[in-house]
Amino acid sequence: MRPTPRRYAKLAPIPLAVAMLCGMGVQTISHPSGEDAEPFHVRAAEEIDRVSRFIGPWTGADVPVPHEAVALLRPNKILSRVYDNTSTGRRAHLLVVQCRDARDMAGHYPPVCYRANGMSTVSAEQRDWDIGGVSIPGMRYHFRMEMPGQSVDIHVDNFLILPGQGFVRDMRPVYRAAANRMRHFYGAAQVQVKVDGPAAEEERDEIFRTLVGAALPAIEFIRAGADQ
């Protein structure tokens, strides 16, 4: 007996419901997990390890990261290195931090970190650098600590990296990425360059390009994320 139109109406929701359930199953399966991202984090740590200690006239030495900062960041990998220029006597600090959870970046984000240590923000300016054809948007911060009879000024160039998305200037896109189920497990990274003492803007830019340029293979790997 052929189904009547009324029976068709009763049967129609059944395949529709099955299709919806199947779609939900496929959607769940397609979402990356922590295990899916593990090879990326292993490789990211290896790439950061490859950043050279010797960059032209610059010679680097690793410096320990305060335990409190490590506990706050919970990094997958962290590079904290002071470079000395044997020609000019200039000193600069390169910091590369890569975390499994993007939200862990907040504690070491310059506007949070330096102000939490008693410094005030003198200026925060957008900056764009070109390194080997790679355009990097970031920020240049100037912090100051006032003490009896003197003040201490610190200048920090900073940018953040969202795997599979690119470079960002501040934490707002990082928080959005942390809430994205497709990107969450790939975390985020942050790069800082701090130059000791007074220096012209052009010199700071040149130091930034030199030190970040040495770390560019690691930075580009992290930026590509799961898309490589």
Foldseek 3Di string as FASTA:
>chain_A
DDDDPVVCVVCVVVVVVVVVVVVVVVVVVPQDDLVNQVVLLVVLQVLQVPQDQDFPQKGKDFDDDDPVLCVLLVFSHKTWIWIARPVPRWIKIKIKTFHQAQVSVVCVFVVNPVVVVQKDWPDKAWDWAAAPNDIAIEIWTWIWHDDVPDMDIKIKTKWKAQAQPGIDYDCPVSVVQCVDSRRRRLHMMMMMMIIPDDDDPVVVSVVCNRSVNSSVVSRVSSNNRPVD
